[in-house]
Amino acid sequence: MASTTTTTTTEKLKVVIVGAGLGGLMLGTLLERCNIPYVIVEKATVVKPLGSALAVGSTLIPLFEQLGVAEDLYRVGKPWTHYYTYSESKELILAADFSLAQGLTGYKQYAIGRPALYDLLFNQIPSHKIHFGKRVTSIYDNGDGVEVKTTDGSNYEGNILVGADGAYSVVRQQLYEALLKEGKLPASDQEELPFSCVCLVGQTRPLDPEEFPVLKEPVAQFKSTLGNDNAYSWTTFTTSYNSICWMVMLHLEKVANRSTYNDNRNRTSENLEWESHATAAKAMCDETRHFPLQFGDGTLTMGDMYDRTDQDLISKVMLEEKVFETWYSGRTVLLGDACHKLHPSGGRGVVTSMHDAIALANLLYAHPPNPTSSDIHTLFSEYRSERYSVVQATFKNSQMMRKATDKDLFAACTRFLLKHMPTWLWSKFIERTVVDRPQVGFLEQVPVKGTVVPSVSPSAQKARAVYEQKEK
């Protein structure tokens, strides 16, 4: 069993993390384990269990084993093996078998509600190190440190600022404004976030398995439906705690952004992220209540899911897709959705955010005593170098999976190819999605399982060398 013993670091370093999403919480958890001082500030005043379900498997479980919380993950997760796609008339279009991943990696795949995973990580952070209701108003980098000011007049100082505050990151916005004035911001980073899907998400209250027998199935049931004569697709996922996570996607005719998207129910930037806005969400719920579900006695619809979901926990969001070029400058660095936003069809958004946290934590642990601005620049450069190409490949894979659920001819061809793909080729595809299984170098290593050898993580190697030197 992996050790969760922390390793003391005496270097003078403090990290200010803006954003208490899953990526920010994971980074905080890792810094907590290696005793690097940090603080997390979050604009939301309270934690709301928003979101649907996530797939967690071999790309993250070794890390959870290192942290000693894998059993907690298993308790709130439910094993899953297949993802089924149907037509609205209940014809099976595609059955994607992901059970191959267990043989390749030694780990099962688990379906877990986003709120449950959030709670697991939130519980790893001491309460005095996370502050809610702290909306950032200004960031000042004086070359020797950073200062963050919030609307309530609070100031937070540190050596490094991490922007983990989502797709519409305030940290990124202020960083980019400064770089634009200096003529250093690439043209692509000046463009707005594009999206081609609008999404409604939620999770029911715990249900009675007698009323919903699908909950009795030993593995999570992932079932997606493509509308016959409409621009929608919708998906349901069962959980270990007898709830059903659900998601409804509206596929737009053309790519949009928040300036061009003409939806009078969605005019503010606030609801472009994971936030609940009753009017916008209710309108989409009303439009889609009659959509049939792929389980039960044939009479169940999405309306049955909406009625069993707390209304303030239903969210309407835009599914942006973009990888930014600029990830850092000065003493500020970006993480997760703040620097790369992936479509959820690939199931990799949270994975990439947490892998960012692993790489950054490894490099912070291995940093030299009293790091200079030059040291920090090198650290950030190594972080981006390790993560950028991996994120780009994952981004393309997520785009392909998204296109498989689109409503055009290309999507139909993609589904046909996936359906008739030989097993050996599908296995190769799965291999590509599980090769990145990084660990942190400053905790006891988890033995490699399965037949696919994990890719090499330079940051983990660097942190491991420092860890072993300190242990001598």
Foldseek 3Di string as FASTA:
>chain_A
DWDLAEAEDDFAFEEEEEALALLSLLLLLLCVRNVHHYAYEYQAQDDDQAFFKFKDKLQCLQQCVLNVCNVVVVLWWAFAFWAWEAALVQHTLAIAGRQLVCQFFVMTMTMHRSSSSSVSSVVSHPPVRYYYNFAWDDWDFPQQWIWTAGPVGDIDITRFYEFAHAQPTPLLVRVVVVCVVVVNFDPVQVDFFKFFKKKKWFKFDADDCVQVVQLVDRGKHWYKYAYDPFQKIKIWIAIPRRMIIIMMMRGHPDIDGLVRDDDVQDNDPVQQDRAADQSSNVVVCVVFQCRWDNGDPGRHGVVVNCVRTDSRRMGMHTQTFDAGDDADDQRYGYAASHGGGAGCLLSCRSSLRSVLSQLLSLLVLLQDRSDGSVSSVVSRVLSCVQRVVVRVVSRVVRVLSVLCNGDDPVNSVSSVCNRPPDPVVSSVVSLSVNQNRDYALQIGGDDTDHNRHHDDRPSNVSSVVVNVVSVD
